[in-house]
């Protein structure tokens, strides 16, 4: 139940990063090295391309499973591909599903409403089970904090502002006298000294005009907000206080389980769930095409309501 990021799906990992456009649109393509290290699964390496054009946002990520466990599981390295586009001119999000050979269009409201996925899920929790869950577990108020370094940091010859956002989520098990805590830490190095910053800002302004503070869900704070439950009004001022283009990003998720609360036998267990590192590798002006962001012609269309 923690971090209901299903409604964002792939968008948390992709739509939150940076800029590009295409030759016909006179834009700039940004390529990123994207590394993911997950508990049990191991390491994955990806190339992420992001493009802003015609007021829309296009994202394509190609991932190679490099961890030893997955290599054994798949009998060698396996590569997957994920593409998601925010099309403001059509009021929708378009995801290309290469596994099922289809294109799925979601309403833009899926970003605005964090409970959209739950209401449209075929799985329903019986009311009796929900009552039991509510009686046994107590979800504490999320704790969000933001630290902005007063000193500029240079990353790849660009002056950057170092920002660290943290989120603490806690659930108490009143029967077992235990606490389950998820700690999310997102560090960013933000700059305005990068080609394509104007397109990046224009898209964000259009998103904010359309969605208000909820536009932050696919903005620079997209990773950490994928774990946030409910509306963003309580942290809106903090989110709005930060701007810039992230040329570097690090995200970590840690789980802490504490048993025996209120007794003499308290036992604490901590585990690293995932680590993500994203670094701008290359900037290409007037890139040679938008093809990588478009679906194959044979893919079927699916409209999700």
C-alpha atoms as a PDB file:
ATOM      1  CA  UNK A   1       0.000   0.000   0.000  1.00  0.00           C
ATOM      2  CA  UNK A   2       3.022   2.218   0.501  1.00  0.00           C
ATOM      3  CA  UNK A   3       3.926   4.542  -2.340  1.00  0.00           C
ATOM      4  CA  UNK A   4       1.052   3.938  -4.681  1.00  0.00           C
ATOM      5  CA  UNK A   5       3.250   4.720  -7.657  1.00  0.00           C
ATOM      6  CA  UNK A   6       1.264   2.401  -9.911  1.00  0.00           C
ATOM      7  CA  UNK A   7      -0.827   5.299 -11.207  1.00  0.00           C
ATOM      8  CA  UNK A   8       2.324   6.945 -12.441  1.00  0.00           C
ATOM      9  CA  UNK A   9       3.869   3.702 -13.648  1.00  0.00           C
ATOM     10  CA  UNK A  10       6.820   4.370 -15.825  1.00  0.00           C
ATOM     11  CA  UNK A  11       6.216   8.129 -15.683  1.00  0.00           C
ATOM     12  CA  UNK A  12       7.919   8.417 -12.208  1.00  0.00           C
ATOM     13  CA  UNK A  13      11.218   7.212 -13.570  1.00  0.00           C
ATOM     14  CA  UNK A  14      11.098   8.955 -16.950  1.00  0.00           C
ATOM     15  CA  UNK A  15       8.823  11.977 -17.227  1.00  0.00           C
ATOM     16  CA  UNK A  16      10.487  13.761 -14.355  1.00  0.00           C
ATOM     17  CA  UNK A  17      13.830  14.288 -16.095  1.00  0.00           C
ATOM     18  CA  UNK A  18      14.892  16.943 -18.474  1.00  0.00           C
ATOM     19  CA  UNK A  19      14.827  18.281 -22.032  1.00  0.00           C
ATOM     20  CA  UNK A  20      14.913  17.774 -25.771  1.00  0.00           C
ATOM     21  CA  UNK A  21      13.170  18.469 -29.060  1.00  0.00           C
ATOM     22  CA  UNK A  22      13.656  17.512 -32.688  1.00  0.00           C
ATOM     23  CA  UNK A  23      15.012  18.875 -35.961  1.00  0.00           C
ATOM     24  CA  UNK A  24      11.678  19.818 -37.425  1.00  0.00           C
ATOM     25  CA  UNK A  25      10.918  21.645 -34.201  1.00  0.00           C
ATOM     26  CA  UNK A  26      14.356  23.287 -33.861  1.00  0.00           C
ATOM     27  CA  UNK A  27      15.004  21.685 -30.491  1.00  0.00           C
ATOM     28  CA  UNK A  28      17.674  20.032 -28.388  1.00  0.00           C
ATOM     29  CA  UNK A  29      17.986  16.357 -27.469  1.00  0.00           C
ATOM     30  CA  UNK A  30      19.282  15.432 -24.026  1.00  0.00           C
ATOM     31  CA  UNK A  31      20.658  11.963 -23.360  1.00  0.00           C
ATOM     32  CA  UNK A  32      21.161  10.656 -19.842  1.00  0.00           C
ATOM     33  CA  UNK A  33      22.959   7.737 -18.263  1.00  0.00           C
ATOM     34  CA  UNK A  34      20.426   6.127 -15.949  1.00  0.00           C
ATOM     35  CA  UNK A  35      21.517   3.500 -13.395  1.00  0.00           C
ATOM     36  CA  UNK A  36      19.113   1.549 -11.179  1.00  0.00           C
ATOM     37  CA  UNK A  37      20.214  -0.789  -8.375  1.00  0.00           C
ATOM     38  CA  UNK A  38      17.319  -2.694  -6.799  1.00  0.00           C
ATOM     39  CA  UNK A  39      17.107  -5.103  -3.883  1.00  0.00           C
ATOM     40  CA  UNK A  40      17.363  -8.741  -5.082  1.00  0.00           C
ATOM     41  CA  UNK A  41      16.929  -7.766  -8.745  1.00  0.00           C
ATOM     42  CA  UNK A  42      20.339  -6.095  -8.956  1.00  0.00           C
ATOM     43  CA  UNK A  43      21.637  -3.477 -11.351  1.00  0.00           C
ATOM     44  CA  UNK A  44      20.129  -2.105 -14.548  1.00  0.00           C
ATOM     45  CA  UNK A  45      21.742   0.362 -16.955  1.00  0.00           C
ATOM     46  CA  UNK A  46      19.658   2.609 -19.180  1.00  0.00           C
ATOM     47  CA  UNK A  47      19.851   5.410 -21.696  1.00  0.00           C
ATOM     48  CA  UNK A  48      17.150   8.006 -21.244  1.00  0.00           C
ATOM     49  CA  UNK A  49      16.193  10.479 -23.950  1.00  0.00           C
ATOM     50  CA  UNK A  50      13.776  13.343 -23.296  1.00  0.00           C
ATOM     51  CA  UNK A  51      12.334  15.778 -25.797  1.00  0.00           C
ATOM     52  CA  UNK A  52      10.099  18.847 -25.481  1.00  0.00           C
ATOM     53  CA  UNK A  53       8.416  19.900 -28.713  1.00  0.00           C
ATOM     54  CA  UNK A  54       5.167  21.644 -29.735  1.00  0.00           C
ATOM     55  CA  UNK A  55       4.365  22.140 -26.054  1.00  0.00           C
ATOM     56  CA  UNK A  56       4.493  18.374 -25.405  1.00  0.00           C
ATOM     57  CA  UNK A  57       6.977  16.102 -23.641  1.00  0.00           C
ATOM     58  CA  UNK A  58       8.435  12.908 -25.096  1.00  0.00           C
ATOM     59  CA  UNK A  59      10.441  10.335 -23.112  1.00  0.00           C
ATOM     60  CA  UNK A  60      12.138   7.111 -24.160  1.00  0.00           C
ATOM     61  CA  UNK A  61      14.173   4.793 -21.921  1.00  0.00           C
ATOM     62  CA  UNK A  62      16.089   1.707 -23.077  1.00  0.00           C
ATOM     63  CA  UNK A  63      17.173  -0.504 -20.193  1.00  0.00           C
ATOM     64  CA  UNK A  64      19.663  -3.374 -20.038  1.00  0.00           C
ATOM     65  CA  UNK A  65      19.488  -5.769 -17.074  1.00  0.00           C
ATOM     66  CA  UNK A  66      23.125  -6.138 -16.052  1.00  0.00           C
ATOM     67  CA  UNK A  67      22.776  -7.654 -12.550  1.00  0.00           C
ATOM     68  CA  UNK A  68      24.123 -11.194 -12.116  1.00  0.00           C
ATOM     69  CA  UNK A  69      20.769 -12.508 -10.803  1.00  0.00           C
ATOM     70  CA  UNK A  70      18.870 -11.259 -13.835  1.00  0.00           C
ATOM     71  CA  UNK A  71      21.541 -12.485 -16.232  1.00  0.00           C
ATOM     72  CA  UNK A  72      21.079 -15.983 -14.819  1.00  0.00           C
ATOM     73  CA  UNK A  73      17.293 -15.621 -14.877  1.00  0.00           C
ATOM     74  CA  UNK A  74      17.172 -14.453 -18.499  1.00  0.00           C
ATOM     75  CA  UNK A  75      20.142 -16.519 -19.666  1.00  0.00           C
ATOM     76  CA  UNK A  76      22.115 -13.374 -20.498  1.00  0.00           C
ATOM     77  CA  UNK A  77      21.577  -9.644 -20.707  1.00  0.00           C
ATOM     78  CA  UNK A  78      18.015  -8.555 -21.431  1.00  0.00           C
ATOM     79  CA  UNK A  79      17.001  -5.200 -22.881  1.00  0.00           C
ATOM     80  CA  UNK A  80      13.612  -3.536 -22.478  1.00  0.00           C
ATOM     81  CA  UNK A  81      12.158  -0.298 -23.762  1.00  0.00           C
ATOM     82  CA  UNK A  82       9.660   2.163 -22.308  1.00  0.00           C
ATOM     83  CA  UNK A  83       8.241   5.221 -24.020  1.00  0.00           C
ATOM     84  CA  UNK A  84       5.792   7.717 -22.530  1.00  0.00           C
ATOM     85  CA  UNK A  85       4.655  11.058 -23.898  1.00  0.00           C
ATOM     86  CA  UNK A  86       2.691  13.859 -22.232  1.00  0.00           C
ATOM     87  CA  UNK A  87       0.594  15.370 -25.025  1.00  0.00           C
ATOM     88  CA  UNK A  88      -0.927  18.554 -23.668  1.00  0.00           C
ATOM     89  CA  UNK A  89      -2.399  19.427 -27.051  1.00  0.00           C
ATOM     90  CA  UNK A  90      -4.522  16.263 -26.825  1.00  0.00           C
ATOM     91  CA  UNK A  91      -5.067  16.314 -23.050  1.00  0.00           C
ATOM     92  CA  UNK A  92      -3.596  12.847 -22.574  1.00  0.00           C
ATOM     93  CA  UNK A  93      -0.585  10.697 -21.706  1.00  0.00           C
ATOM     94  CA  UNK A  94       0.471   8.167 -24.347  1.00  0.00           C
ATOM     95  CA  UNK A  95       2.418   5.084 -23.288  1.00  0.00           C
ATOM     96  CA  UNK A  96       3.958   2.687 -25.803  1.00  0.00           C
ATOM     97  CA  UNK A  97       3.805  -0.899 -24.524  1.00  0.00           C
ATOM     98  CA  UNK A  98       6.412  -2.832 -26.484  1.00  0.00           C
ATOM     99  CA  UNK A  99       5.733  -6.079 -24.626  1.00  0.00           C
ATOM    100  CA  UNK A 100       2.046  -6.196 -25.624  1.00  0.00           C
ATOM    101  CA  UNK A 101       2.536  -4.347 -28.930  1.00  0.00           C
ATOM    102  CA  UNK A 102       0.061  -1.625 -28.121  1.00  0.00           C
ATOM    103  CA  UNK A 103      -0.274   2.119 -27.509  1.00  0.00           C
ATOM    104  CA  UNK A 104      -2.266   3.142 -24.429  1.00  0.00           C
ATOM    105  CA  UNK A 105      -3.744   6.624 -24.041  1.00  0.00           C
ATOM    106  CA  UNK A 106      -4.501   7.774 -20.482  1.00  0.00           C
ATOM    107  CA  UNK A 107      -6.407  10.946 -19.540  1.00  0.00           C
ATOM    108  CA  UNK A 108      -4.247  13.768 -18.233  1.00  0.00           C
ATOM    109  CA  UNK A 109      -6.376  13.563 -15.070  1.00  0.00           C
ATOM    110  CA  UNK A 110      -4.337  10.499 -14.160  1.00  0.00           C
ATOM    111  CA  UNK A 111      -1.619  12.915 -13.052  1.00  0.00           C
ATOM    112  CA  UNK A 112      -3.978  15.239 -11.198  1.00  0.00           C
ATOM    113  CA  UNK A 113      -5.752  12.439  -9.316  1.00  0.00           C
ATOM    114  CA  UNK A 114      -3.386  10.115  -7.389  1.00  0.00           C
ATOM    115  CA  UNK A 115      -6.277   7.716  -6.704  1.00  0.00           C
ATOM    116  CA  UNK A 116      -7.151   7.316 -10.396  1.00  0.00           C
ATOM    117  CA  UNK A 117      -5.326   4.011 -10.690  1.00  0.00           C
ATOM    118  CA  UNK A 118      -7.012   2.529  -7.622  1.00  0.00           C
ATOM    119  CA  UNK A 119     -10.499   3.455  -8.812  1.00  0.00           C
ATOM    120  CA  UNK A 120      -9.854   1.983 -12.262  1.00  0.00           C
ATOM    121  CA  UNK A 121      -8.146  -1.164 -11.005  1.00  0.00           C
ATOM    122  CA  UNK A 122     -10.036  -4.454 -11.518  1.00  0.00           C
ATOM    123  CA  UNK A 123      -8.961  -5.489  -8.009  1.00  0.00           C
ATOM    124  CA  UNK A 124     -11.285  -4.388  -5.223  1.00  0.00           C
ATOM    125  CA  UNK A 125     -10.706  -4.787  -1.492  1.00  0.00           C
ATOM    126  CA  UNK A 126     -13.842  -6.078   0.286  1.00  0.00           C
ATOM    127  CA  UNK A 127     -15.237  -3.641   2.843  1.00  0.00           C
ATOM    128  CA  UNK A 128     -14.722  -6.191   5.648  1.00  0.00           C
ATOM    129  CA  UNK A 129     -11.046  -6.542   4.744  1.00  0.00           C
ATOM    130  CA  UNK A 130     -10.640  -2.774   4.523  1.00  0.00           C
ATOM    131  CA  UNK A 131     -12.172  -2.417   8.002  1.00  0.00           C
ATOM    132  CA  UNK A 132      -9.703  -4.947   9.382  1.00  0.00           C
ATOM    133  CA  UNK A 133      -6.811  -3.110   7.750  1.00  0.00           C
ATOM    134  CA  UNK A 134      -7.950   0.232   9.131  1.00  0.00           C
ATOM    135  CA  UNK A 135      -8.336  -1.240  12.620  1.00  0.00           C
ATOM    136  CA  UNK A 136      -4.934  -2.915  12.684  1.00  0.00           C
ATOM    137  CA  UNK A 137      -2.758  -0.320  10.991  1.00  0.00           C
ATOM    138  CA  UNK A 138      -2.194   3.363  11.703  1.00  0.00           C
ATOM    139  CA  UNK A 139      -0.672   5.462   8.932  1.00  0.00           C
ATOM    140  CA  UNK A 140       1.288   8.382  10.325  1.00  0.00           C
ATOM    141  CA  UNK A 141       1.364  11.809   8.694  1.00  0.00           C
ATOM    142  CA  UNK A 142       4.106  11.920   6.011  1.00  0.00           C
ATOM    143  CA  UNK A 143       7.142  14.026   6.875  1.00  0.00           C
ATOM    144  CA  UNK A 144       8.569  16.007   3.947  1.00  0.00           C
ATOM    145  CA  UNK A 145      11.654  18.222   4.168  1.00  0.00           C
ATOM    146  CA  UNK A 146      13.688  20.260   1.718  1.00  0.00           C
ATOM    147  CA  UNK A 147      17.286  21.475   2.017  1.00  0.00           C
ATOM    148  CA  UNK A 148      18.747  23.978  -0.460  1.00  0.00           C
ATOM    149  CA  UNK A 149      22.480  24.563  -0.339  1.00  0.00           C
ATOM    150  CA  UNK A 150      23.364  28.291  -0.240  1.00  0.00           C
ATOM    151  CA  UNK A 151      26.587  27.663  -2.157  1.00  0.00           C
ATOM    152  CA  UNK A 152      26.805  26.934  -5.872  1.00  0.00           C
ATOM    153  CA  UNK A 153      28.244  23.582  -6.978  1.00  0.00           C
ATOM    154  CA  UNK A 154      29.873  23.030 -10.380  1.00  0.00           C
ATOM    155  CA  UNK A 155      28.772  19.934 -12.327  1.00  0.00           C
ATOM    156  CA  UNK A 156      30.297  19.442 -15.793  1.00  0.00           C
ATOM    157  CA  UNK A 157      31.295  23.125 -15.914  1.00  0.00           C
ATOM    158  CA  UNK A 158      27.758  24.244 -15.060  1.00  0.00           C
ATOM    159  CA  UNK A 159      26.968  26.183 -11.862  1.00  0.00           C
ATOM    160  CA  UNK A 160      24.305  24.239  -9.965  1.00  0.00           C
ATOM    161  CA  UNK A 161      22.156  24.535  -6.875  1.00  0.00           C
ATOM    162  CA  UNK A 162      22.277  21.410  -4.716  1.00  0.00           C
ATOM    163  CA  UNK A 163      18.841  20.413  -3.417  1.00  0.00           C
ATOM    164  CA  UNK A 164      17.944  17.473  -1.149  1.00  0.00           C
ATOM    165  CA  UNK A 165      14.333  16.408  -0.600  1.00  0.00           C
ATOM    166  CA  UNK A 166      13.417  13.726   1.933  1.00  0.00           C
ATOM    167  CA  UNK A 167      10.173  11.928   2.690  1.00  0.00           C
ATOM    168  CA  UNK A 168       9.465   9.727   5.695  1.00  0.00           C
ATOM    169  CA  UNK A 169       6.465   7.385   5.568  1.00  0.00           C
ATOM    170  CA  UNK A 170       5.496   5.325   8.607  1.00  0.00           C
ATOM    171  CA  UNK A 171       2.829   2.732   9.323  1.00  0.00           C
ATOM    172  CA  UNK A 172       2.228   1.237  12.778  1.00  0.00           C
ATOM    173  CA  UNK A 173       1.058  -2.346  13.253  1.00  0.00           C
ATOM    174  CA  UNK A 174      -0.975  -2.089  16.451  1.00  0.00           C
ATOM    175  CA  UNK A 175      -1.275  -5.870  16.879  1.00  0.00           C
ATOM    176  CA  UNK A 176       2.415  -6.701  16.489  1.00  0.00           C
ATOM    177  CA  UNK A 177       3.631  -3.474  18.118  1.00  0.00           C
ATOM    178  CA  UNK A 178       5.808  -2.823  15.086  1.00  0.00           C
ATOM    179  CA  UNK A 179       6.687   0.085  12.851  1.00  0.00           C
ATOM    180  CA  UNK A 180       7.350   0.042   9.108  1.00  0.00           C
ATOM    181  CA  UNK A 181       9.157   3.115   7.778  1.00  0.00           C
ATOM    182  CA  UNK A 182      10.030   4.017   4.186  1.00  0.00           C
ATOM    183  CA  UNK A 183      12.678   6.704   3.739  1.00  0.00           C
ATOM    184  CA  UNK A 184      13.008   8.367   0.332  1.00  0.00           C
ATOM    185  CA  UNK A 185      15.887  10.735  -0.392  1.00  0.00           C
ATOM    186  CA  UNK A 186      16.163  12.669  -3.657  1.00  0.00           C
ATOM    187  CA  UNK A 187      19.222  14.796  -4.337  1.00  0.00           C
ATOM    188  CA  UNK A 188      19.381  17.099  -7.376  1.00  0.00           C
ATOM    189  CA  UNK A 189      21.877  19.463  -8.968  1.00  0.00           C
ATOM    190  CA  UNK A 190      19.857  22.169 -10.744  1.00  0.00           C
ATOM    191  CA  UNK A 191      21.060  24.729 -13.271  1.00  0.00           C
ATOM    192  CA  UNK A 192      19.776  27.218 -15.824  1.00  0.00           C
ATOM    193  CA  UNK A 193      23.006  26.999 -17.835  1.00  0.00           C
ATOM    194  CA  UNK A 194      21.991  24.281 -20.284  1.00  0.00           C
ATOM    195  CA  UNK A 195      20.737  24.380 -23.858  1.00  0.00           C
ATOM    196  CA  UNK A 196      17.032  23.636 -24.022  1.00  0.00           C
ATOM    197  CA  UNK A 197      16.171  25.341 -20.738  1.00  0.00           C
ATOM    198  CA  UNK A 198      13.620  27.595 -22.461  1.00  0.00           C
ATOM    199  CA  UNK A 199      11.641  24.628 -23.849  1.00  0.00           C
ATOM    200  CA  UNK A 200      11.831  22.933 -20.463  1.00  0.00           C
ATOM    201  CA  UNK A 201      10.441  25.977 -18.687  1.00  0.00           C
ATOM    202  CA  UNK A 202       7.722  26.561 -21.282  1.00  0.00           C
ATOM    203  CA  UNK A 203       6.396  23.020 -20.858  1.00  0.00           C
ATOM    204  CA  UNK A 204       6.433  23.312 -17.060  1.00  0.00           C
ATOM    205  CA  UNK A 205       4.554  26.625 -17.202  1.00  0.00           C
ATOM    206  CA  UNK A 206       1.908  25.050 -19.438  1.00  0.00           C
ATOM    207  CA  UNK A 207       1.579  22.088 -17.089  1.00  0.00           C
ATOM    208  CA  UNK A 208       1.202  24.353 -14.064  1.00  0.00           C
ATOM    209  CA  UNK A 209      -1.435  26.443 -15.849  1.00  0.00           C
ATOM    210  CA  UNK A 210      -3.358  23.259 -16.636  1.00  0.00           C
ATOM    211  CA  UNK A 211      -2.875  21.230 -13.456  1.00  0.00           C
ATOM    212  CA  UNK A 212      -1.726  23.631 -10.750  1.00  0.00           C
ATOM    213  CA  UNK A 213       0.542  22.176  -8.067  1.00  0.00           C
ATOM    214  CA  UNK A 214      -0.171  18.641  -9.311  1.00  0.00           C
ATOM    215  CA  UNK A 215       2.091  19.333 -12.293  1.00  0.00           C
ATOM    216  CA  UNK A 216       4.949  18.698  -9.854  1.00  0.00           C
ATOM    217  CA  UNK A 217       4.127  14.989  -9.987  1.00  0.00           C
ATOM    218  CA  UNK A 218       5.917  14.713 -13.333  1.00  0.00           C
ATOM    219  CA  UNK A 219       8.334  17.571 -12.704  1.00  0.00           C
ATOM    220  CA  UNK A 220      11.767  17.544 -11.099  1.00  0.00           C
ATOM    221  CA  UNK A 221      10.313  16.063  -7.876  1.00  0.00           C
ATOM    222  CA  UNK A 222       8.587  13.216  -9.711  1.00  0.00           C
ATOM    223  CA  UNK A 223      10.583  10.423  -8.075  1.00  0.00           C
ATOM    224  CA  UNK A 224       9.839  11.325  -4.479  1.00  0.00           C
ATOM    225  CA  UNK A 225       6.242  12.376  -5.188  1.00  0.00           C
ATOM    226  CA  UNK A 226       5.574   8.918  -6.582  1.00  0.00           C
ATOM    227  CA  UNK A 227       5.474   7.828  -2.931  1.00  0.00           C
ATOM    228  CA  UNK A 228       3.290  10.712  -1.734  1.00  0.00           C
ATOM    229  CA  UNK A 229      -0.324   9.904  -0.866  1.00  0.00           C
ATOM    230  CA  UNK A 230      -3.097  12.435  -1.478  1.00  0.00           C
ATOM    231  CA  UNK A 231      -2.989  16.126  -2.397  1.00  0.00           C
ATOM    232  CA  UNK A 232       0.115  18.296  -2.504  1.00  0.00           C
ATOM    233  CA  UNK A 233      -1.264  21.468  -0.923  1.00  0.00           C
ATOM    234  CA  UNK A 234       0.600  20.970   2.353  1.00  0.00           C
ATOM    235  CA  UNK A 235       4.004  20.913   0.606  1.00  0.00           C
ATOM    236  CA  UNK A 236       3.165  23.120  -2.373  1.00  0.00           C
ATOM    237  CA  UNK A 237       5.153  26.094  -1.089  1.00  0.00           C
ATOM    238  CA  UNK A 238       8.279  23.952  -0.691  1.00  0.00           C
ATOM    239  CA  UNK A 239       7.937  22.458  -4.171  1.00  0.00           C
ATOM    240  CA  UNK A 240       7.433  25.887  -5.760  1.00  0.00           C
ATOM    241  CA  UNK A 241      10.529  27.305  -4.062  1.00  0.00           C
ATOM    242  CA  UNK A 242      12.835  25.210  -6.249  1.00  0.00           C
ATOM    243  CA  UNK A 243      13.488  25.647  -9.968  1.00  0.00           C
ATOM    244  CA  UNK A 244      16.118  24.715 -12.496  1.00  0.00           C
ATOM    245  CA  UNK A 245      17.115  21.902 -14.771  1.00  0.00           C
ATOM    246  CA  UNK A 246      18.474  18.741 -13.079  1.00  0.00           C
ATOM    247  CA  UNK A 247      21.710  17.742 -14.792  1.00  0.00           C
ATOM    248  CA  UNK A 248      22.331  15.195 -12.045  1.00  0.00           C
ATOM    249  CA  UNK A 249      19.989  13.293  -9.743  1.00  0.00           C
ATOM    250  CA  UNK A 250      20.320  10.603  -7.075  1.00  0.00           C
ATOM    251  CA  UNK A 251      17.354   8.846  -5.463  1.00  0.00           C
ATOM    252  CA  UNK A 252      17.469   6.225  -2.709  1.00  0.00           C
ATOM    253  CA  UNK A 253      14.721   4.264  -0.979  1.00  0.00           C
ATOM    254  CA  UNK A 254      15.368   2.602   2.385  1.00  0.00           C
ATOM    255  CA  UNK A 255      13.019   0.405   4.417  1.00  0.00           C
ATOM    256  CA  UNK A 256      13.238   0.210   8.214  1.00  0.00           C
ATOM    257  CA  UNK A 257      11.235  -2.302  10.243  1.00  0.00           C
ATOM    258  CA  UNK A 258      11.163  -2.030  14.034  1.00  0.00           C
ATOM    259  CA  UNK A 259       9.596  -4.828  16.089  1.00  0.00           C
ATOM    260  CA  UNK A 260       8.810  -4.906  19.798  1.00  0.00           C
ATOM    261  CA  UNK A 261       7.845  -1.271  20.240  1.00  0.00           C
ATOM    262  CA  UNK A 262       7.223  -0.412  23.867  1.00  0.00           C
ATOM    263  CA  UNK A 263       9.104  -3.492  25.105  1.00  0.00           C
ATOM    264  CA  UNK A 264      12.633  -4.311  26.258  1.00  0.00           C
ATOM    265  CA  UNK A 265      13.276  -6.339  23.111  1.00  0.00           C
ATOM    266  CA  UNK A 266      13.170  -3.767  20.339  1.00  0.00           C
ATOM    267  CA  UNK A 267      14.665  -5.114  17.105  1.00  0.00           C
ATOM    268  CA  UNK A 268      15.441  -2.854  14.153  1.00  0.00           C
ATOM    269  CA  UNK A 269      16.057  -4.112  10.610  1.00  0.00           C
ATOM    270  CA  UNK A 270      17.121  -1.827   7.761  1.00  0.00           C
ATOM    271  CA  UNK A 271      17.415  -2.593   4.042  1.00  0.00           C
ATOM    272  CA  UNK A 272      18.256  -0.607   0.924  1.00  0.00           C
ATOM    273  CA  UNK A 273      15.387  -1.078  -1.537  1.00  0.00           C
ATOM    274  CA  UNK A 274      16.626   0.877  -4.528  1.00  0.00           C
ATOM    275  CA  UNK A 275      19.129   3.460  -5.710  1.00  0.00           C
ATOM    276  CA  UNK A 276      18.855   5.545  -8.877  1.00  0.00           C
ATOM    277  CA  UNK A 277      21.499   7.775 -10.457  1.00  0.00           C
ATOM    278  CA  UNK A 278      20.783   9.988 -13.479  1.00  0.00           C
ATOM    279  CA  UNK A 279      23.470  12.051 -15.218  1.00  0.00           C
ATOM    280  CA  UNK A 280      23.294  14.235 -18.306  1.00  0.00           C
ATOM    281  CA  UNK A 281      25.748  12.721 -20.783  1.00  0.00           C
ATOM    282  CA  UNK A 282      25.165  14.438 -24.099  1.00  0.00           C
ATOM    283  CA  UNK A 283      23.334  17.393 -25.614  1.00  0.00           C
ATOM    284  CA  UNK A 284      22.471  17.267 -29.317  1.00  0.00           C
ATOM    285  CA  UNK A 285      21.167  20.333 -31.108  1.00  0.00           C
ATOM    286  CA  UNK A 286      18.925  19.717 -34.128  1.00  0.00           C
ATOM    287  CA  UNK A 287      18.877  15.920 -33.593  1.00  0.00           C
ATOM    288  CA  UNK A 288      18.224  13.565 -36.515  1.00  0.00           C
ATOM    289  CA  UNK A 289      14.581  12.732 -35.923  1.00  0.00           C
ATOM    290  CA  UNK A 290      11.736  12.020 -33.534  1.00  0.00           C
ATOM    291  CA  UNK A 291      11.259   8.403 -34.586  1.00  0.00           C
ATOM    292  CA  UNK A 292      12.355   6.888 -31.289  1.00  0.00           C
ATOM    293  CA  UNK A 293       9.387   8.539 -29.545  1.00  0.00           C
ATOM    294  CA  UNK A 294       6.747   7.198 -31.955  1.00  0.00           C
ATOM    295  CA  UNK A 295       5.130   3.708 -31.906  1.00  0.00           C
ATOM    296  CA  UNK A 296       5.483   1.145 -34.693  1.00  0.00           C
ATOM    297  CA  UNK A 297       2.594   1.383 -37.133  1.00  0.00           C
ATOM    298  CA  UNK A 298       1.458  -2.182 -36.399  1.00  0.00           C
ATOM    299  CA  UNK A 299       0.761  -1.454 -32.700  1.00  0.00           C
ATOM    300  CA  UNK A 300      -2.914  -1.337 -31.728  1.00  0.00           C
ATOM    301  CA  UNK A 301      -4.462   1.624 -29.904  1.00  0.00           C
ATOM    302  CA  UNK A 302      -6.081   1.304 -26.464  1.00  0.00           C
ATOM    303  CA  UNK A 303      -7.916   4.133 -24.685  1.00  0.00           C
ATOM    304  CA  UNK A 304      -8.009   3.979 -20.877  1.00  0.00           C
ATOM    305  CA  UNK A 305     -10.849   5.916 -19.226  1.00  0.00           C
END
